[in-house]
């Protein structure tokens, strides 16, 4: 799996996506939007209580929680997230997340799209357990360069800058 693959490529290859959110209605709405976009069922929306039951058959887990100012950033996305964040709740989260990851196939890919220079708790734990991990920077760079090239295509064309140049510059900046 390459970070250069986007969701439309994955849908073309037959990937099925499960969107999990604390607010089930939001997950369902996003899944419905994806299904409408692709003109076929590629996604379903569920609540967080389904994580443990879905992990054994998952090929990849991609977390897209992103709020660097949130105390929830101390948690793995896979375990429970209690407020207030305490050393005890972080340890409970770590143990729950580990138990969930131990149910996964060894081929599971774990990715966290939190835009951070530090490795997230979920990725640290997954790597310790031997899973292939991907941080979110390559995906953000790929999506960002595509979006930037799309939005500024006329300006870029006038300046003789192609989308490959934009992607290279963004990759270099992220290094």
N, C-alpha and C. Protein backbone atom coordinates (compact mmCIF):
# COMPACT_ATOMS: atom_id res chain seq x y z
N UNK A 1 0.86 -1.18 0.00
CA UNK A 1 0.00 0.00 0.00
C UNK A 1 0.89 1.21 0.00
N UNK A 2 0.59 2.13 -0.83
CA UNK A 2 1.41 3.33 -0.96
C UNK A 2 0.62 4.54 -0.48
N UNK A 3 1.32 5.48 0.11
CA UNK A 3 0.67 6.71 0.54
C UNK A 3 0.19 7.52 -0.66
N UNK A 4 0.64 7.17 -1.87
CA UNK A 4 0.21 7.87 -3.06
C UNK A 4 -1.15 7.39 -3.56
N UNK A 5 -1.66 6.32 -2.97
CA UNK A 5 -2.97 5.82 -3.34
C UNK A 5 -4.02 6.66 -2.63
N UNK A 6 -5.05 7.07 -3.35
CA UNK A 6 -6.09 7.87 -2.71
C UNK A 6 -7.37 7.04 -2.59
N UNK A 7 -8.36 7.59 -1.92
CA UNK A 7 -9.59 6.83 -1.67
C UNK A 7 -10.28 6.39 -2.95
N UNK A 8 -10.23 7.22 -4.00
CA UNK A 8 -10.87 6.80 -5.23
C UNK A 8 -10.16 5.60 -5.83
N UNK A 9 -8.82 5.55 -5.72
CA UNK A 9 -8.09 4.37 -6.19
C UNK A 9 -8.51 3.15 -5.39
N UNK A 10 -8.60 3.30 -4.08
CA UNK A 10 -8.97 2.17 -3.23
C UNK A 10 -10.38 1.68 -3.56
N UNK A 11 -11.30 2.61 -3.78
CA UNK A 11 -12.67 2.21 -4.13
C UNK A 11 -12.67 1.47 -5.46
N UNK A 12 -11.84 1.92 -6.41
CA UNK A 12 -11.75 1.23 -7.70
C UNK A 12 -11.24 -0.20 -7.55
N UNK A 13 -10.41 -0.42 -6.52
CA UNK A 13 -9.88 -1.76 -6.26
C UNK A 13 -10.83 -2.59 -5.39
N UNK A 14 -11.97 -2.05 -5.05
CA UNK A 14 -12.96 -2.81 -4.29
C UNK A 14 -12.85 -2.68 -2.78
N UNK A 15 -12.09 -1.73 -2.30
CA UNK A 15 -11.95 -1.55 -0.85
C UNK A 15 -13.29 -1.17 -0.23
N UNK A 16 -13.54 -1.68 0.93
CA UNK A 16 -14.72 -1.31 1.72
C UNK A 16 -14.22 -0.52 2.93
N UNK A 17 -14.88 0.56 3.22
CA UNK A 17 -14.46 1.46 4.28
C UNK A 17 -15.51 1.48 5.38
N UNK A 18 -15.05 1.36 6.62
CA UNK A 18 -15.93 1.54 7.76
C UNK A 18 -15.49 2.80 8.48
N UNK A 19 -16.40 3.74 8.60
CA UNK A 19 -16.12 5.00 9.26
C UNK A 19 -16.69 4.92 10.67
N UNK A 20 -15.82 5.11 11.63
CA UNK A 20 -16.23 5.02 13.03
C UNK A 20 -16.08 6.39 13.67
N UNK A 21 -17.11 6.79 14.41
CA UNK A 21 -17.09 8.09 15.06
C UNK A 21 -17.81 7.98 16.40
N UNK A 22 -17.43 8.84 17.33
CA UNK A 22 -18.17 8.89 18.61
C UNK A 22 -19.62 9.22 18.35
N UNK A 23 -19.88 10.05 17.35
CA UNK A 23 -21.25 10.40 16.98
C UNK A 23 -21.62 9.57 15.75
N UNK A 24 -22.43 8.55 15.96
CA UNK A 24 -22.76 7.61 14.89
C UNK A 24 -23.39 8.32 13.70
N UNK A 25 -24.25 9.29 13.95
CA UNK A 25 -24.90 10.01 12.84
C UNK A 25 -23.88 10.65 11.90
N UNK A 26 -22.79 11.17 12.46
CA UNK A 26 -21.75 11.77 11.62
C UNK A 26 -21.07 10.70 10.77
N UNK A 27 -20.81 9.55 11.35
CA UNK A 27 -20.18 8.46 10.61
C UNK A 27 -21.09 7.99 9.47
N UNK A 28 -22.37 7.85 9.77
CA UNK A 28 -23.34 7.41 8.75
C UNK A 28 -23.45 8.44 7.63
N UNK A 29 -23.51 9.70 7.98
CA UNK A 29 -23.62 10.76 6.98
C UNK A 29 -22.39 10.78 6.06
N UNK A 30 -21.20 10.65 6.63
CA UNK A 30 -20.00 10.62 5.81
C UNK A 30 -19.99 9.39 4.90
N UNK A 31 -20.38 8.25 5.42
CA UNK A 31 -20.44 7.04 4.60
C UNK A 31 -21.44 7.21 3.45
N UNK A 32 -22.59 7.78 3.75
CA UNK A 32 -23.58 8.02 2.69
C UNK A 32 -23.03 8.97 1.62
N UNK A 33 -22.28 9.97 2.05
CA UNK A 33 -21.68 10.90 1.09
C UNK A 33 -20.68 10.18 0.19
N UNK A 34 -19.85 9.33 0.77
CA UNK A 34 -18.90 8.56 -0.03
C UNK A 34 -19.62 7.63 -1.00
N UNK A 35 -20.64 6.96 -0.53
CA UNK A 35 -21.40 6.06 -1.39
C UNK A 35 -22.04 6.81 -2.54
N UNK A 36 -22.58 7.98 -2.27
CA UNK A 36 -23.18 8.80 -3.33
C UNK A 36 -22.12 9.24 -4.33
N UNK A 37 -20.96 9.64 -3.84
CA UNK A 37 -19.88 10.08 -4.72
C UNK A 37 -19.45 8.97 -5.66
N UNK A 38 -19.29 7.75 -5.13
CA UNK A 38 -18.83 6.63 -5.95
C UNK A 38 -19.95 5.94 -6.70
N UNK A 39 -21.19 6.24 -6.36
CA UNK A 39 -22.32 5.61 -7.03
C UNK A 39 -22.48 4.14 -6.69
N UNK A 40 -21.90 3.74 -5.58
CA UNK A 40 -22.02 2.36 -5.11
C UNK A 40 -21.68 2.34 -3.63
N UNK A 41 -21.99 1.25 -2.97
CA UNK A 41 -21.71 1.15 -1.54
C UNK A 41 -20.23 0.79 -1.36
N UNK A 42 -19.48 1.75 -0.82
CA UNK A 42 -18.07 1.53 -0.50
C UNK A 42 -17.80 1.76 0.98
N UNK A 43 -18.79 2.33 1.69
CA UNK A 43 -18.56 2.70 3.09
C UNK A 43 -19.80 2.47 3.94
N UNK A 44 -19.56 2.23 5.21
CA UNK A 44 -20.64 2.20 6.20
C UNK A 44 -20.17 2.97 7.41
N UNK A 45 -21.10 3.53 8.15
CA UNK A 45 -20.79 4.31 9.33
C UNK A 45 -21.26 3.62 10.59
N UNK A 46 -20.40 3.57 11.59
CA UNK A 46 -20.70 2.91 12.86
C UNK A 46 -20.14 3.71 14.03
N UNK A 47 -20.47 3.27 15.23
CA UNK A 47 -19.96 3.91 16.44
C UNK A 47 -18.70 3.23 16.95
N UNK A 48 -18.02 3.90 17.89
CA UNK A 48 -16.74 3.40 18.44
C UNK A 48 -16.85 2.03 19.11
N UNK A 49 -18.03 1.69 19.57
CA UNK A 49 -18.18 0.39 20.24
C UNK A 49 -17.93 -0.79 19.30
N UNK A 50 -17.81 -0.54 18.00
CA UNK A 50 -17.58 -1.60 17.01
C UNK A 50 -16.11 -1.85 16.70
N UNK A 51 -15.21 -1.04 17.24
CA UNK A 51 -13.79 -1.17 16.89
C UNK A 51 -13.27 -2.59 17.15
N UNK A 52 -13.45 -3.10 18.35
CA UNK A 52 -12.89 -4.40 18.71
C UNK A 52 -13.41 -5.52 17.82
N UNK A 53 -14.67 -5.47 17.43
CA UNK A 53 -15.22 -6.55 16.61
C UNK A 53 -14.78 -6.46 15.14
N UNK A 54 -14.38 -5.27 14.69
CA UNK A 54 -13.96 -5.10 13.29
C UNK A 54 -12.48 -5.37 13.07
N UNK A 55 -11.67 -5.20 14.07
CA UNK A 55 -10.21 -5.35 13.92
C UNK A 55 -9.78 -6.70 13.37
N UNK A 56 -10.35 -7.83 13.81
CA UNK A 56 -9.86 -9.12 13.31
C UNK A 56 -9.94 -9.29 11.78
N UNK A 57 -10.85 -8.60 11.13
CA UNK A 57 -10.98 -8.75 9.67
C UNK A 57 -10.45 -7.54 8.90
N UNK A 58 -9.91 -6.56 9.60
CA UNK A 58 -9.45 -5.33 8.94
C UNK A 58 -8.10 -5.52 8.26
N UNK A 59 -7.94 -4.86 7.12
CA UNK A 59 -6.65 -4.82 6.43
C UNK A 59 -5.84 -3.61 6.87
N UNK A 60 -6.55 -2.54 7.23
CA UNK A 60 -5.88 -1.31 7.65
C UNK A 60 -6.77 -0.55 8.63
N UNK A 61 -6.12 0.18 9.51
CA UNK A 61 -6.79 1.09 10.42
C UNK A 61 -6.18 2.46 10.17
N UNK A 62 -7.02 3.41 9.87
CA UNK A 62 -6.55 4.78 9.62
C UNK A 62 -7.30 5.70 10.55
N UNK A 63 -6.57 6.30 11.46
CA UNK A 63 -7.17 7.26 12.39
C UNK A 63 -7.00 8.65 11.83
N UNK A 64 -8.08 9.42 11.85
CA UNK A 64 -8.02 10.79 11.34
C UNK A 64 -8.45 11.81 12.39
N UNK A 65 -8.33 11.44 13.65
CA UNK A 65 -8.60 12.37 14.74
C UNK A 65 -7.53 13.45 14.67
N UNK A 66 -7.92 14.71 14.70
CA UNK A 66 -6.88 15.73 14.65
C UNK A 66 -7.27 16.99 15.39
N UNK A 67 -6.76 17.09 16.58
CA UNK A 67 -6.87 18.32 17.35
C UNK A 67 -5.69 18.32 18.32
N UNK A 68 -4.62 18.93 17.87
CA UNK A 68 -3.38 18.92 18.65
C UNK A 68 -3.53 19.55 20.02
N UNK A 69 -4.54 20.36 20.20
CA UNK A 69 -4.73 21.03 21.49
C UNK A 69 -5.59 20.20 22.44
N UNK A 70 -6.17 19.13 21.95
CA UNK A 70 -7.06 18.33 22.77
C UNK A 70 -6.28 17.42 23.71
N UNK A 71 -6.73 17.30 24.94
CA UNK A 71 -6.08 16.35 25.84
C UNK A 71 -6.24 14.90 25.36
N UNK A 72 -7.22 14.66 24.47
CA UNK A 72 -7.42 13.32 23.94
C UNK A 72 -6.24 12.85 23.09
N UNK A 73 -5.36 13.77 22.71
CA UNK A 73 -4.18 13.43 21.92
C UNK A 73 -3.25 12.47 22.65
N UNK A 74 -3.41 12.34 23.97
CA UNK A 74 -2.59 11.42 24.76
C UNK A 74 -3.01 9.97 24.57
N UNK A 75 -4.16 9.75 23.95
CA UNK A 75 -4.72 8.41 23.82
C UNK A 75 -4.45 7.78 22.46
N UNK A 76 -4.48 6.44 22.46
CA UNK A 76 -4.57 5.69 21.22
C UNK A 76 -6.02 5.80 20.76
N UNK A 77 -6.22 5.91 19.48
CA UNK A 77 -7.57 6.00 18.94
C UNK A 77 -8.38 4.73 19.22
N UNK A 78 -7.71 3.62 19.41
CA UNK A 78 -8.41 2.34 19.54
C UNK A 78 -9.04 2.09 20.90
N UNK A 79 -8.51 2.67 21.95
CA UNK A 79 -9.04 2.44 23.29
C UNK A 79 -10.04 3.51 23.70
N UNK A 80 -10.62 3.33 24.88
CA UNK A 80 -11.57 4.33 25.37
C UNK A 80 -10.84 5.62 25.70
N UNK A 81 -11.57 6.71 25.56
CA UNK A 81 -10.99 8.04 25.77
C UNK A 81 -11.84 8.78 26.79
N UNK A 82 -11.36 8.83 28.01
CA UNK A 82 -12.12 9.46 29.08
C UNK A 82 -11.62 10.87 29.36
N UNK A 83 -12.55 11.72 29.73
CA UNK A 83 -12.23 13.08 30.16
C UNK A 83 -12.58 13.15 31.64
N UNK A 84 -11.77 13.69 32.49
CA UNK A 84 -10.48 14.28 32.21
C UNK A 84 -9.42 13.20 31.95
N UNK A 85 -8.39 13.58 31.22
CA UNK A 85 -7.28 12.68 30.95
C UNK A 85 -6.41 12.62 32.20
N UNK A 86 -6.22 11.41 32.69
CA UNK A 86 -5.38 11.19 33.88
C UNK A 86 -4.37 10.10 33.55
N UNK A 87 -3.33 9.95 34.34
CA UNK A 87 -2.40 8.83 34.11
C UNK A 87 -3.12 7.48 34.13
N UNK A 88 -4.13 7.36 34.97
CA UNK A 88 -4.89 6.10 35.05
C UNK A 88 -5.71 5.87 33.77
N UNK A 89 -6.34 6.94 33.26
CA UNK A 89 -7.15 6.76 32.04
C UNK A 89 -6.26 6.50 30.82
N UNK A 90 -5.06 7.09 30.81
CA UNK A 90 -4.12 6.82 29.71
C UNK A 90 -3.67 5.36 29.76
N UNK A 91 -3.40 4.85 30.93
CA UNK A 91 -3.00 3.45 31.08
C UNK A 91 -4.14 2.52 30.68
N UNK A 92 -5.36 2.84 31.10
CA UNK A 92 -6.53 2.04 30.70
C UNK A 92 -6.68 2.03 29.19
N UNK A 93 -6.52 3.18 28.56
CA UNK A 93 -6.59 3.30 27.11
C UNK A 93 -5.52 2.43 26.45
N UNK A 94 -4.29 2.50 26.97
CA UNK A 94 -3.19 1.72 26.41
C UNK A 94 -3.47 0.22 26.48
N UNK A 95 -3.97 -0.24 27.62
CA UNK A 95 -4.27 -1.67 27.78
C UNK A 95 -5.40 -2.11 26.85
N UNK A 96 -6.45 -1.30 26.74
CA UNK A 96 -7.56 -1.63 25.84
C UNK A 96 -7.09 -1.66 24.39
N UNK A 97 -6.32 -0.67 24.00
CA UNK A 97 -5.83 -0.60 22.62
C UNK A 97 -4.94 -1.80 22.31
N UNK A 98 -4.09 -2.17 23.25
CA UNK A 98 -3.23 -3.34 23.04
C UNK A 98 -4.06 -4.61 22.87
N UNK A 99 -5.07 -4.79 23.71
CA UNK A 99 -5.93 -5.97 23.60
C UNK A 99 -6.63 -6.01 22.25
N UNK A 100 -7.06 -4.87 21.77
CA UNK A 100 -7.72 -4.79 20.47
C UNK A 100 -6.74 -5.13 19.36
N UNK A 101 -5.54 -4.55 19.40
CA UNK A 101 -4.54 -4.82 18.36
C UNK A 101 -4.10 -6.28 18.35
N UNK A 102 -4.10 -6.93 19.50
CA UNK A 102 -3.70 -8.34 19.55
C UNK A 102 -4.70 -9.25 18.84
N UNK A 103 -5.91 -8.75 18.57
CA UNK A 103 -6.92 -9.52 17.82
C UNK A 103 -6.73 -9.41 16.31
N UNK A 104 -5.86 -8.49 15.88
CA UNK A 104 -5.69 -8.20 14.45
C UNK A 104 -4.78 -9.22 13.78
N UNK A 105 -4.94 -9.31 12.47
CA UNK A 105 -4.03 -10.12 11.66
C UNK A 105 -2.67 -9.44 11.64
N UNK A 106 -1.62 -10.23 11.51
CA UNK A 106 -0.27 -9.66 11.52
C UNK A 106 -0.01 -8.75 10.33
N UNK A 107 -0.82 -8.86 9.29
CA UNK A 107 -0.66 -8.02 8.09
C UNK A 107 -1.34 -6.66 8.21
N UNK A 108 -1.99 -6.39 9.35
CA UNK A 108 -2.69 -5.12 9.53
C UNK A 108 -1.74 -3.93 9.35
N UNK A 109 -2.18 -2.92 8.62
CA UNK A 109 -1.45 -1.67 8.48
C UNK A 109 -2.14 -0.65 9.37
N UNK A 110 -1.37 0.05 10.18
CA UNK A 110 -1.92 1.02 11.11
C UNK A 110 -1.38 2.40 10.73
N UNK A 111 -2.29 3.32 10.46
CA UNK A 111 -1.90 4.66 10.06
C UNK A 111 -2.64 5.68 10.90
N UNK A 112 -1.94 6.75 11.19
CA UNK A 112 -2.54 7.83 11.97
C UNK A 112 -2.32 9.13 11.21
N UNK A 113 -3.39 9.78 10.82
CA UNK A 113 -3.31 10.98 10.00
C UNK A 113 -3.28 12.25 10.87
N UNK A 114 -2.96 12.10 12.11
CA UNK A 114 -2.76 13.28 12.94
C UNK A 114 -1.52 13.99 12.41
N UNK A 115 -1.61 15.26 12.20
CA UNK A 115 -0.49 16.01 11.64
C UNK A 115 0.42 16.40 12.79
N UNK A 116 1.40 15.55 13.03
CA UNK A 116 2.33 15.72 14.15
C UNK A 116 3.74 15.37 13.70
N UNK A 117 4.72 15.98 14.33
CA UNK A 117 6.09 15.53 14.11
C UNK A 117 6.42 14.38 15.05
N UNK A 118 5.72 14.28 16.16
CA UNK A 118 5.93 13.18 17.10
C UNK A 118 5.03 12.00 16.71
N UNK A 119 5.50 10.80 17.00
CA UNK A 119 4.72 9.61 16.73
C UNK A 119 3.58 9.51 17.73
N UNK A 120 2.40 9.16 17.26
CA UNK A 120 1.22 9.10 18.12
C UNK A 120 1.23 7.84 18.98
N UNK A 121 0.49 7.85 20.09
CA UNK A 121 0.44 6.66 20.95
C UNK A 121 0.00 5.40 20.20
N UNK A 122 -0.97 5.52 19.28
CA UNK A 122 -1.43 4.35 18.54
C UNK A 122 -0.31 3.77 17.68
N UNK A 123 0.45 4.63 17.01
CA UNK A 123 1.53 4.14 16.16
C UNK A 123 2.68 3.55 16.96
N UNK A 124 2.99 4.15 18.10
CA UNK A 124 4.04 3.61 18.97
C UNK A 124 3.67 2.19 19.38
N UNK A 125 2.45 2.03 19.83
CA UNK A 125 1.99 0.73 20.30
C UNK A 125 1.93 -0.30 19.17
N UNK A 126 1.39 0.09 18.03
CA UNK A 126 1.29 -0.83 16.90
C UNK A 126 2.67 -1.28 16.44
N UNK A 127 3.60 -0.36 16.40
CA UNK A 127 4.97 -0.71 15.99
C UNK A 127 5.60 -1.68 17.00
N UNK A 128 5.40 -1.44 18.29
CA UNK A 128 5.92 -2.32 19.32
C UNK A 128 5.36 -3.73 19.18
N UNK A 129 4.12 -3.83 18.69
CA UNK A 129 3.48 -5.14 18.52
C UNK A 129 3.80 -5.76 17.16
N UNK A 130 4.61 -5.09 16.35
CA UNK A 130 5.07 -5.67 15.10
C UNK A 130 4.25 -5.35 13.86
N UNK A 131 3.33 -4.41 13.94
CA UNK A 131 2.53 -4.05 12.78
C UNK A 131 3.25 -3.02 11.93
N UNK A 132 2.94 -3.02 10.63
CA UNK A 132 3.46 -1.97 9.75
C UNK A 132 2.68 -0.70 10.08
N UNK A 133 3.42 0.40 10.27
CA UNK A 133 2.77 1.66 10.63
C UNK A 133 3.15 2.74 9.62
N UNK A 134 2.22 3.65 9.42
CA UNK A 134 2.43 4.81 8.55
C UNK A 134 1.95 6.05 9.27
N UNK A 135 2.81 7.07 9.34
CA UNK A 135 2.30 8.31 9.90
C UNK A 135 1.52 9.04 8.82
N UNK A 136 0.84 10.08 9.17
CA UNK A 136 -0.05 10.75 8.24
C UNK A 136 0.57 11.74 7.30
N UNK A 137 1.83 12.07 7.50
CA UNK A 137 2.44 13.11 6.69
C UNK A 137 2.42 12.79 5.19
N UNK A 138 2.80 11.58 4.74
CA UNK A 138 2.75 11.31 3.30
C UNK A 138 1.34 11.45 2.70
N UNK A 139 0.33 11.03 3.44
CA UNK A 139 -1.03 11.16 2.93
C UNK A 139 -1.44 12.62 2.85
N UNK A 140 -1.09 13.38 3.86
CA UNK A 140 -1.43 14.80 3.87
C UNK A 140 -0.72 15.51 2.72
N UNK A 141 0.55 15.19 2.51
CA UNK A 141 1.32 15.80 1.41
C UNK A 141 0.68 15.45 0.08
N UNK A 142 0.33 14.17 -0.11
CA UNK A 142 -0.27 13.75 -1.37
C UNK A 142 -1.60 14.45 -1.62
N UNK A 143 -2.47 14.44 -0.63
CA UNK A 143 -3.77 15.09 -0.79
C UNK A 143 -3.62 16.61 -0.92
N UNK A 144 -2.72 17.19 -0.12
CA UNK A 144 -2.51 18.63 -0.17
C UNK A 144 -1.95 19.09 -1.51
N UNK A 145 -1.01 18.32 -2.06
CA UNK A 145 -0.44 18.72 -3.35
C UNK A 145 -1.47 18.61 -4.46
N UNK A 146 -2.31 17.58 -4.39
CA UNK A 146 -3.39 17.46 -5.39
C UNK A 146 -4.37 18.62 -5.29
N UNK A 147 -4.76 18.94 -4.05
CA UNK A 147 -5.71 20.03 -3.85
C UNK A 147 -5.11 21.38 -4.28
N UNK A 148 -3.86 21.63 -3.89
CA UNK A 148 -3.20 22.88 -4.25
C UNK A 148 -3.08 23.00 -5.77
N UNK A 149 -2.68 21.91 -6.43
CA UNK A 149 -2.55 21.93 -7.89
C UNK A 149 -3.89 22.18 -8.56
N UNK A 150 -4.95 21.61 -8.01
CA UNK A 150 -6.29 21.81 -8.56
C UNK A 150 -6.74 23.26 -8.38
N UNK A 151 -6.58 23.78 -7.18
CA UNK A 151 -7.05 25.13 -6.87
C UNK A 151 -6.27 26.22 -7.61
N UNK A 152 -4.99 26.01 -7.80
CA UNK A 152 -4.14 27.04 -8.39
C UNK A 152 -3.58 26.65 -9.76
N UNK A 153 -4.31 25.78 -10.48
CA UNK A 153 -3.79 25.25 -11.74
C UNK A 153 -3.46 26.36 -12.74
N UNK A 154 -4.28 27.40 -12.85
CA UNK A 154 -4.00 28.47 -13.82
C UNK A 154 -2.74 29.24 -13.45
N UNK A 155 -2.60 29.60 -12.18
CA UNK A 155 -1.42 30.31 -11.72
C UNK A 155 -0.17 29.45 -11.90
N UNK A 156 -0.26 28.19 -11.53
CA UNK A 156 0.88 27.28 -11.66
C UNK A 156 1.28 27.12 -13.13
N UNK A 157 0.28 27.03 -14.00
CA UNK A 157 0.56 26.90 -15.43
C UNK A 157 1.30 28.13 -15.94
N UNK A 158 0.85 29.32 -15.53
CA UNK A 158 1.52 30.56 -15.96
C UNK A 158 2.97 30.60 -15.47
N UNK A 159 3.21 30.05 -14.30
CA UNK A 159 4.56 30.06 -13.73
C UNK A 159 5.36 28.82 -14.13
N UNK A 160 4.74 27.98 -15.00
CA UNK A 160 5.39 26.75 -15.49
C UNK A 160 5.78 25.81 -14.34
N UNK A 161 4.88 25.68 -13.40
CA UNK A 161 5.06 24.76 -12.27
C UNK A 161 4.04 23.66 -12.44
N UNK A 162 4.48 22.41 -12.50
CA UNK A 162 3.54 21.31 -12.67
C UNK A 162 3.20 20.66 -11.32
N UNK A 163 2.23 19.78 -11.33
CA UNK A 163 1.77 19.16 -10.08
C UNK A 163 2.87 18.32 -9.44
N UNK A 164 3.74 17.74 -10.25
CA UNK A 164 4.87 16.98 -9.70
C UNK A 164 5.81 17.88 -8.91
N UNK A 165 6.01 19.11 -9.41
CA UNK A 165 6.85 20.07 -8.69
C UNK A 165 6.22 20.44 -7.34
N UNK A 166 4.91 20.67 -7.35
CA UNK A 166 4.21 21.00 -6.10
C UNK A 166 4.37 19.87 -5.10
N UNK A 167 4.18 18.64 -5.54
CA UNK A 167 4.28 17.49 -4.64
C UNK A 167 5.71 17.37 -4.10
N UNK A 168 6.71 17.54 -4.95
CA UNK A 168 8.09 17.44 -4.53
C UNK A 168 8.42 18.50 -3.48
N UNK A 169 7.98 19.73 -3.71
CA UNK A 169 8.23 20.82 -2.77
C UNK A 169 7.58 20.52 -1.42
N UNK A 170 6.34 20.01 -1.45
CA UNK A 170 5.65 19.70 -0.20
C UNK A 170 6.33 18.53 0.51
N UNK A 171 6.78 17.52 -0.24
CA UNK A 171 7.50 16.39 0.37
C UNK A 171 8.79 16.88 1.03
N UNK A 172 9.52 17.72 0.30
CA UNK A 172 10.78 18.25 0.85
C UNK A 172 10.52 19.05 2.12
N UNK A 173 9.47 19.84 2.14
CA UNK A 173 9.16 20.65 3.31
C UNK A 173 8.78 19.78 4.50
N UNK A 174 8.21 18.62 4.26
CA UNK A 174 7.78 17.73 5.35
C UNK A 174 8.93 16.89 5.90
N UNK A 175 10.06 16.90 5.24
CA UNK A 175 11.19 16.07 5.69
C UNK A 175 11.84 16.63 6.93
